[in-house]
Amino acid sequence: MNHGLLLIDKQSGGTSHDVVQEVRRLFRQKKVGHCGTLDPDATGLLVLTLGQATRLTRFLIRAPKVYAGTIRFGVTTDTFDASGSVTAEHPIDDLTRELVVAAMAQMVGTVEQVVPSYSAKKVQGVKHYELARRGQEVPRETKTVTLYELGATGDLEDGVLPFRLACSSGTYARTVAHDLGQTVSTGAHLATLRRLQVGQFKVSDAISTDELQSRLDAARKGSQDEAGSADAAGQAGNAWIPFDVIPLPFGEVVTDAQQEHRIDHGQTVLLRGLSGEEGDWVKLLNNRHRFIAVGTVVERIGSGGVGIVQPRVVFKNP
């Protein structure tokens, strides 16, 4: 089994679950997860976790996201994007780029965002979009999100404006487009969307499943033995991040053999070189720089980076 992260450049049309299923087939292993989905029409970066890396999802899924796309003004839809049915149309004769840019600037910051009716959020086990498609009432729910950046990246032409958005995890880009349309009094919907970045991971390092399949086919050509699952990781290039070097959003500490033994049995260890405060997470490596656990600082001792760490997620022979 492969353990690590795979950066996939999702293409338009399929769901994120479709991508996960395809990667399971390519790697010949079932243990594959993801760190945040994309809508079917959206493209760009999906961060997939494989093997023991699936246990790291909670540390990676909250990473901020960066998107690029286009917004169409003058038309609103029930899904807030181009896949939905038109609910209203408004003239855009008086709409200017300057007016939109000013409205974008007002939206930057921490806001309460309404969850779209057509979303995967669940109510008593039923997804919002399933209720909406049945014509049933969808609960109006809000969530706190942060827009770090929202700006135009081109001219407003025929009611369409290209934009760039940097935001906290869980932000609905199509709700941003819809709300922007309401602010400028013309209505709007998200026309296209591409995810460029998740935390420090970039789509420029990602690979599409079609390209990965092509590389595997080329590697197998002329060989009597089919390439195994390990070849999929090898053919992924920069899109594959091995388990031991997965970057996490907190510090790391190297342990010695005795500490490694205690960690392997879930026991606390006294460590030096800690940068975190009490309650913070820390990545634990052994003296061969193998990734062996994630723990929390339960007590700081003095001010010299010494403290007691409790292993919380221990990896057995990753």
Protein backbone atom coordinates (compact mmCIF):
# COMPACT_ATOMS: atom_id res chain seq x y z
CA MET A 1 0.00 0.00 0.00
CA ASN A 2 1.13 3.53 -0.82
CA HIS A 3 1.21 6.14 1.96
CA GLY A 4 1.34 9.81 1.04
CA LEU A 5 -0.41 12.72 -0.66
CA LEU A 6 -1.41 12.92 -4.31
CA LEU A 7 -2.06 16.30 -5.91
CA ILE A 8 -4.70 15.90 -8.60
CA ASP A 9 -5.69 18.51 -11.20
CA LYS A 10 -9.41 17.76 -11.40
CA GLN A 11 -11.09 18.25 -14.76
CA SER A 12 -14.60 19.60 -15.30
CA GLY A 13 -17.60 17.29 -15.34
CA GLY A 14 -16.86 14.67 -12.73
CA THR A 15 -17.34 14.76 -8.99
CA SER A 16 -14.53 14.71 -6.46
CA HIS A 17 -15.71 11.23 -5.47
CA ASP A 18 -15.24 10.14 -9.10
CA VAL A 19 -11.62 11.26 -8.83
CA VAL A 20 -11.12 9.32 -5.60
CA GLN A 21 -12.55 6.20 -7.26
CA GLU A 22 -10.25 6.61 -10.26
CA VAL A 23 -7.19 6.99 -8.02
CA ARG A 24 -8.21 3.87 -6.11
CA ARG A 25 -8.20 2.04 -9.43
CA LEU A 26 -4.87 3.48 -10.57
CA PHE A 27 -3.12 2.76 -7.27
CA ARG A 28 -4.96 -0.51 -6.70
CA GLN A 29 -5.81 0.34 -3.12
CA LYS A 30 -9.05 1.27 -1.37
CA LYS A 31 -7.63 3.56 1.31
CA VAL A 32 -7.90 6.93 -0.46
CA GLY A 33 -9.47 10.10 0.92
CA HIS A 34 -9.53 13.81 0.13
CA CYS A 35 -8.95 17.15 1.86
CA GLY A 36 -11.93 19.09 0.50
CA THR A 37 -14.15 18.58 -2.54
CA LEU A 38 -14.78 20.62 -5.67
CA ASP A 39 -18.15 20.99 -7.40
CA PRO A 40 -18.52 18.91 -10.60
CA ASP A 41 -18.09 21.92 -12.93
CA ALA A 42 -15.05 23.26 -11.03
CA THR A 43 -11.49 22.32 -11.93
CA GLY A 44 -8.15 22.46 -10.18
CA LEU A 45 -6.38 21.14 -7.14
CA LEU A 46 -7.65 18.20 -5.12
CA VAL A 47 -5.38 17.02 -2.30
CA LEU A 48 -5.85 13.27 -1.87
CA THR A 49 -4.61 11.21 1.08
CA LEU A 50 -3.50 7.62 0.56
CA GLY A 51 -2.88 4.85 3.07
CA GLN A 52 -1.93 6.05 6.54
CA ALA A 53 -2.01 9.65 5.29
CA THR A 54 -5.83 9.43 5.46
CA ARG A 55 -5.37 9.87 9.23
CA LEU A 56 -3.89 13.32 8.56
CA THR A 57 -6.98 14.68 6.80
CA ARG A 58 -8.16 16.69 9.81
CA PHE A 59 -4.84 18.58 9.88
CA LEU A 60 -4.91 19.40 6.16
CA ILE A 61 -8.58 19.99 5.38
CA ARG A 62 -8.71 23.34 7.19
CA ALA A 63 -6.00 24.90 5.02
CA PRO A 64 -6.92 28.16 3.25
CA LYS A 65 -7.77 27.96 -0.45
CA VAL A 66 -7.00 30.13 -3.49
CA TYR A 67 -9.27 30.22 -6.55
CA ALA A 68 -9.50 31.89 -9.94
CA GLY A 69 -12.65 32.09 -12.01
CA THR A 70 -15.24 34.25 -13.68
CA ILE A 71 -18.49 35.81 -12.46
CA ARG A 72 -21.42 36.57 -14.78
CA PHE A 73 -23.50 39.56 -13.72
CA GLY A 74 -27.13 40.17 -14.60
CA VAL A 75 -28.24 36.55 -14.18
CA THR A 76 -28.96 34.66 -10.95
CA THR A 77 -29.44 30.90 -10.68
CA ASP A 78 -30.86 28.61 -8.03
CA THR A 79 -27.48 26.92 -7.50
CA PHE A 80 -25.53 30.21 -7.60
CA ASP A 81 -23.44 28.80 -10.47
CA ALA A 82 -23.77 28.03 -14.18
CA SER A 83 -25.17 24.53 -13.59
CA GLY A 84 -28.45 25.81 -12.16
CA SER A 85 -31.71 27.17 -13.54
CA VAL A 86 -32.05 30.90 -14.12
CA THR A 87 -34.16 32.53 -11.41
CA ALA A 88 -33.87 36.20 -12.45
CA GLU A 89 -32.29 38.50 -15.03
CA HIS A 90 -31.40 42.17 -14.61
CA PRO A 91 -29.97 44.83 -16.93
CA ILE A 92 -26.26 45.55 -16.54
CA ASP A 93 -26.02 48.69 -18.67
CA ASP A 94 -24.89 50.82 -15.74
CA LEU A 95 -22.54 48.25 -14.22
CA THR A 96 -18.85 49.20 -14.29
CA ARG A 97 -15.68 47.41 -13.30
CA GLU A 98 -14.97 50.13 -10.75
CA LEU A 99 -18.32 49.55 -9.06
CA VAL A 100 -17.70 45.81 -8.81
CA VAL A 101 -14.14 46.24 -7.53
CA ALA A 102 -15.37 48.59 -4.79
CA ALA A 103 -18.01 46.04 -3.78
CA MET A 104 -15.36 43.29 -3.71
CA ALA A 105 -13.21 45.34 -1.34
CA GLN A 106 -16.15 45.68 1.06
CA MET A 107 -16.56 41.88 1.21
CA VAL A 108 -12.98 41.15 2.32
CA GLY A 109 -12.81 40.06 5.95
CA THR A 110 -14.67 37.69 8.25
CA VAL A 111 -18.33 37.35 7.31
CA GLU A 112 -21.39 35.18 7.93
CA GLN A 113 -22.04 33.28 4.71
CA VAL A 114 -25.35 31.62 3.88
CA VAL A 115 -24.93 27.97 2.90
CA PRO A 116 -26.38 27.44 -0.62
CA SER A 117 -29.57 25.41 -0.90
CA TYR A 118 -27.81 23.22 -3.46
CA SER A 119 -24.91 22.05 -1.30
CA ALA A 120 -23.68 18.78 0.19
CA LYS A 121 -24.29 19.97 3.75
CA LYS A 122 -26.55 17.49 5.54
CA VAL A 123 -29.66 17.93 7.67
CA GLN A 124 -30.49 14.77 9.63
CA GLY A 125 -28.49 12.74 7.14
CA VAL A 126 -30.06 14.31 4.03
CA LYS A 127 -28.01 16.62 1.80
CA HIS A 128 -29.30 20.13 1.10
CA TYR A 129 -29.35 19.58 -2.65
CA GLU A 130 -31.47 16.45 -2.24
CA LEU A 131 -34.08 18.46 -0.33
CA ALA A 132 -33.94 21.25 -2.93
CA ARG A 133 -34.42 18.85 -5.84
CA ARG A 134 -37.46 17.35 -4.14
CA GLY A 135 -38.94 20.82 -3.74
CA GLN A 136 -38.72 20.58 0.03
CA GLU A 137 -37.76 23.46 2.28
CA VAL A 138 -34.03 23.75 2.86
CA PRO A 139 -33.00 25.15 6.28
CA ARG A 140 -31.30 28.54 6.07
CA GLU A 141 -27.91 28.03 7.68
CA THR A 142 -24.94 30.34 7.99
CA LYS A 143 -21.26 29.76 8.65
CA THR A 144 -18.41 32.08 9.56
CA VAL A 145 -15.79 32.34 6.82
CA THR A 146 -12.93 34.69 6.01
CA LEU A 147 -12.17 36.23 2.63
CA TYR A 148 -8.48 37.16 2.65
CA GLU A 149 -8.49 38.47 -0.91
CA LEU A 150 -11.18 39.13 -3.49
CA GLY A 151 -10.28 41.11 -6.58
CA ALA A 152 -10.76 41.48 -10.31
CA THR A 153 -8.00 40.12 -12.54
CA GLY A 154 -9.27 41.47 -15.87
CA ASP A 155 -11.82 43.66 -17.57
CA LEU A 156 -15.60 43.45 -17.30
CA GLU A 157 -16.71 42.26 -20.73
CA ASP A 158 -20.29 41.41 -21.67
CA GLY A 159 -21.14 41.15 -17.99
CA VAL A 160 -18.35 38.66 -17.19
CA LEU A 161 -15.48 39.50 -14.84
CA PRO A 162 -12.44 37.31 -14.05
CA PHE A 163 -11.51 37.24 -10.37
CA ARG A 164 -9.16 35.79 -7.76
CA LEU A 165 -10.30 34.65 -4.31
CA ALA A 166 -8.24 33.62 -1.28
CA CYS A 167 -10.38 32.36 1.58
CA SER A 168 -10.69 30.14 4.60
CA SER A 169 -11.66 26.50 4.30
CA GLY A 170 -15.38 25.91 3.86
CA THR A 171 -16.05 29.11 1.91
CA TYR A 172 -18.52 28.72 -0.96
CA ALA A 173 -17.12 30.61 -3.94
CA ARG A 174 -20.53 30.54 -5.65
CA THR A 175 -22.09 32.23 -2.63
CA VAL A 176 -19.41 34.91 -2.90
CA ALA A 177 -20.44 35.47 -6.54
CA HIS A 178 -24.14 35.53 -5.63
CA ASP A 179 -23.63 37.97 -2.75
CA LEU A 180 -21.50 40.22 -4.94
CA GLY A 181 -24.33 40.34 -7.49
CA GLN A 182 -26.76 41.34 -4.77
CA THR A 183 -24.43 44.09 -3.58
CA VAL A 184 -24.19 45.71 -7.02
CA SER A 185 -27.96 45.20 -7.61
CA THR A 186 -27.65 43.22 -10.83
CA GLY A 187 -27.54 39.69 -9.53
CA ALA A 188 -24.72 37.32 -10.51
CA HIS A 189 -23.62 33.73 -10.54
CA LEU A 190 -20.33 31.86 -10.63
CA ALA A 191 -19.57 31.10 -14.27
CA THR A 192 -16.28 29.18 -13.89
CA LEU A 193 -14.01 28.20 -11.02
CA ARG A 194 -10.52 26.74 -10.72
CA ARG A 195 -8.75 25.96 -7.45
CA LEU A 196 -5.14 27.08 -7.58
CA GLN A 197 -3.88 26.33 -4.12
CA VAL A 198 -4.68 24.47 -0.88
CA GLY A 199 -2.41 25.65 1.92
CA GLN A 200 1.09 25.37 0.49
CA PHE A 201 0.10 22.85 -2.19
CA LYS A 202 -0.22 24.27 -5.73
CA VAL A 203 -2.05 23.09 -8.81
CA SER A 204 1.13 23.65 -10.84
CA ASP A 205 2.52 20.51 -9.15
CA ALA A 206 -0.65 18.47 -9.70
CA ILE A 207 -1.43 15.85 -12.33
CA SER A 208 -4.71 14.86 -13.96
CA THR A 209 -5.90 11.28 -13.70
CA ASP A 210 -5.83 11.06 -17.50
CA GLU A 211 -2.16 12.08 -17.56
CA LEU A 212 -1.32 9.64 -14.78
CA GLN A 213 -3.07 6.88 -16.72
CA SER A 214 -1.09 7.79 -19.86
CA ARG A 215 2.21 7.66 -17.96
CA LEU A 216 1.32 4.29 -16.50
CA ASP A 217 0.36 2.93 -19.92
CA ALA A 218 3.68 4.15 -21.35
CA ALA A 219 5.60 2.56 -18.47
CA ARG A 220 3.83 -0.75 -19.01
CA LYS A 221 4.29 -0.80 -22.76
CA GLY A 222 6.67 -3.52 -23.82
CA SER A 223 6.83 -5.02 -20.34
CA GLN A 224 5.64 -8.55 -19.66
CA ASP A 225 4.69 -7.68 -16.09
CA GLU A 226 2.04 -5.06 -15.44
CA ALA A 227 3.27 -2.14 -13.38
CA GLY A 228 2.15 -2.47 -9.79
CA SER A 229 0.56 0.14 -7.56
CA ALA A 230 3.97 1.52 -6.54
CA ASP A 231 4.52 2.60 -10.16
CA ALA A 232 1.53 4.95 -9.94
CA ALA A 233 3.31 6.94 -7.23
CA GLY A 234 6.54 6.84 -9.23
CA GLN A 235 4.83 8.10 -12.39
CA ALA A 236 3.11 10.97 -10.56
CA GLY A 237 6.32 13.01 -10.26
CA ASN A 238 5.98 16.17 -8.17
CA ALA A 239 2.31 15.38 -7.65
CA TRP A 240 3.26 12.59 -5.23
CA ILE A 241 4.38 13.55 -1.69
CA PRO A 242 5.77 10.60 0.29
CA PHE A 243 4.42 10.03 3.80
CA ASP A 244 7.57 10.96 5.73
CA VAL A 245 7.86 14.42 4.15
CA ILE A 246 4.20 15.48 4.24
CA PRO A 247 4.23 19.10 5.44
CA LEU A 248 1.85 19.82 8.31
CA PRO A 249 0.76 23.23 9.64
CA PHE A 250 2.79 22.92 12.85
CA GLY A 251 6.33 22.22 14.05
CA GLU A 252 8.21 18.93 14.07
CA VAL A 253 10.71 17.33 16.45
CA VAL A 254 13.18 14.46 15.97
CA THR A 255 13.14 11.81 18.71
CA ASP A 256 15.72 9.26 19.85
CA ALA A 257 15.32 5.47 19.98
CA GLN A 258 14.09 5.37 23.59
CA GLN A 259 11.54 8.11 22.92
CA GLU A 260 10.42 6.33 19.77
CA HIS A 261 9.72 3.19 21.80
CA ARG A 262 7.59 5.14 24.28
CA ILE A 263 5.73 6.90 21.46
CA ASP A 264 5.05 3.56 19.77
CA HIS A 265 3.26 2.49 22.98
CA GLY A 266 1.33 5.76 23.31
CA GLN A 267 3.38 7.02 26.26
CA THR A 268 4.34 10.64 26.91
CA VAL A 269 7.87 11.81 26.10
CA LEU A 270 10.04 14.68 27.28
CA LEU A 271 11.30 16.54 24.22
CA ARG A 272 13.56 19.47 23.45
CA GLY A 273 13.25 21.88 20.56
CA LEU A 274 9.52 22.40 20.89
CA SER A 275 8.21 25.57 19.30
CA GLY A 276 4.54 25.18 20.23
CA GLU A 277 2.60 26.13 23.31
CA GLU A 278 0.58 23.82 25.53
CA GLY A 279 -2.22 22.27 23.49
CA ASP A 280 -0.42 22.70 20.16
CA TRP A 281 0.15 19.84 17.76
CA VAL A 282 3.64 18.60 16.86
CA LYS A 283 4.89 16.22 14.18
CA LEU A 284 7.18 13.52 15.58
CA LEU A 285 10.01 11.93 13.58
CA ASN A 286 12.40 9.18 14.62
CA ASN A 287 16.19 9.50 14.33
CA ARG A 288 15.97 8.18 10.75
CA HIS A 289 13.55 11.02 9.98
CA ARG A 290 10.64 8.63 9.53
CA PHE A 291 7.24 10.11 10.41
CA ILE A 292 6.06 8.13 13.45
CA ALA A 293 3.32 10.15 15.17
CA VAL A 294 1.42 13.36 15.77
CA GLY A 295 1.19 14.53 19.37
CA THR A 296 0.17 17.47 21.50
CA VAL A 297 2.22 19.52 23.94
CA VAL A 298 0.68 18.79 27.34
CA GLU A 299 3.19 20.75 29.43
CA ARG A 300 5.94 23.29 28.80
CA ILE A 301 8.93 23.20 31.12
CA GLY A 302 10.76 26.50 31.42
CA SER A 303 11.36 28.71 28.42
CA GLY A 304 14.00 26.70 26.55
CA GLY A 305 11.77 24.70 24.22
CA VAL A 306 11.46 21.72 26.57
CA GLY A 307 8.12 20.05 27.18
CA ILE A 308 6.09 16.89 27.56
CA VAL A 309 4.31 15.56 24.47
CA GLN A 310 1.44 13.08 24.40
CA PRO A 311 1.23 10.98 21.18
CA ARG A 312 -2.30 11.22 19.71
CA VAL A 313 -1.94 9.60 16.30
CA VAL A 314 0.69 6.85 16.12
CA PHE A 315 1.73 5.25 12.84
CA LYS A 316 2.79 1.62 12.87
CA ASN A 317 5.48 0.84 10.28
CA PRO A 318 4.31 3.45 7.73
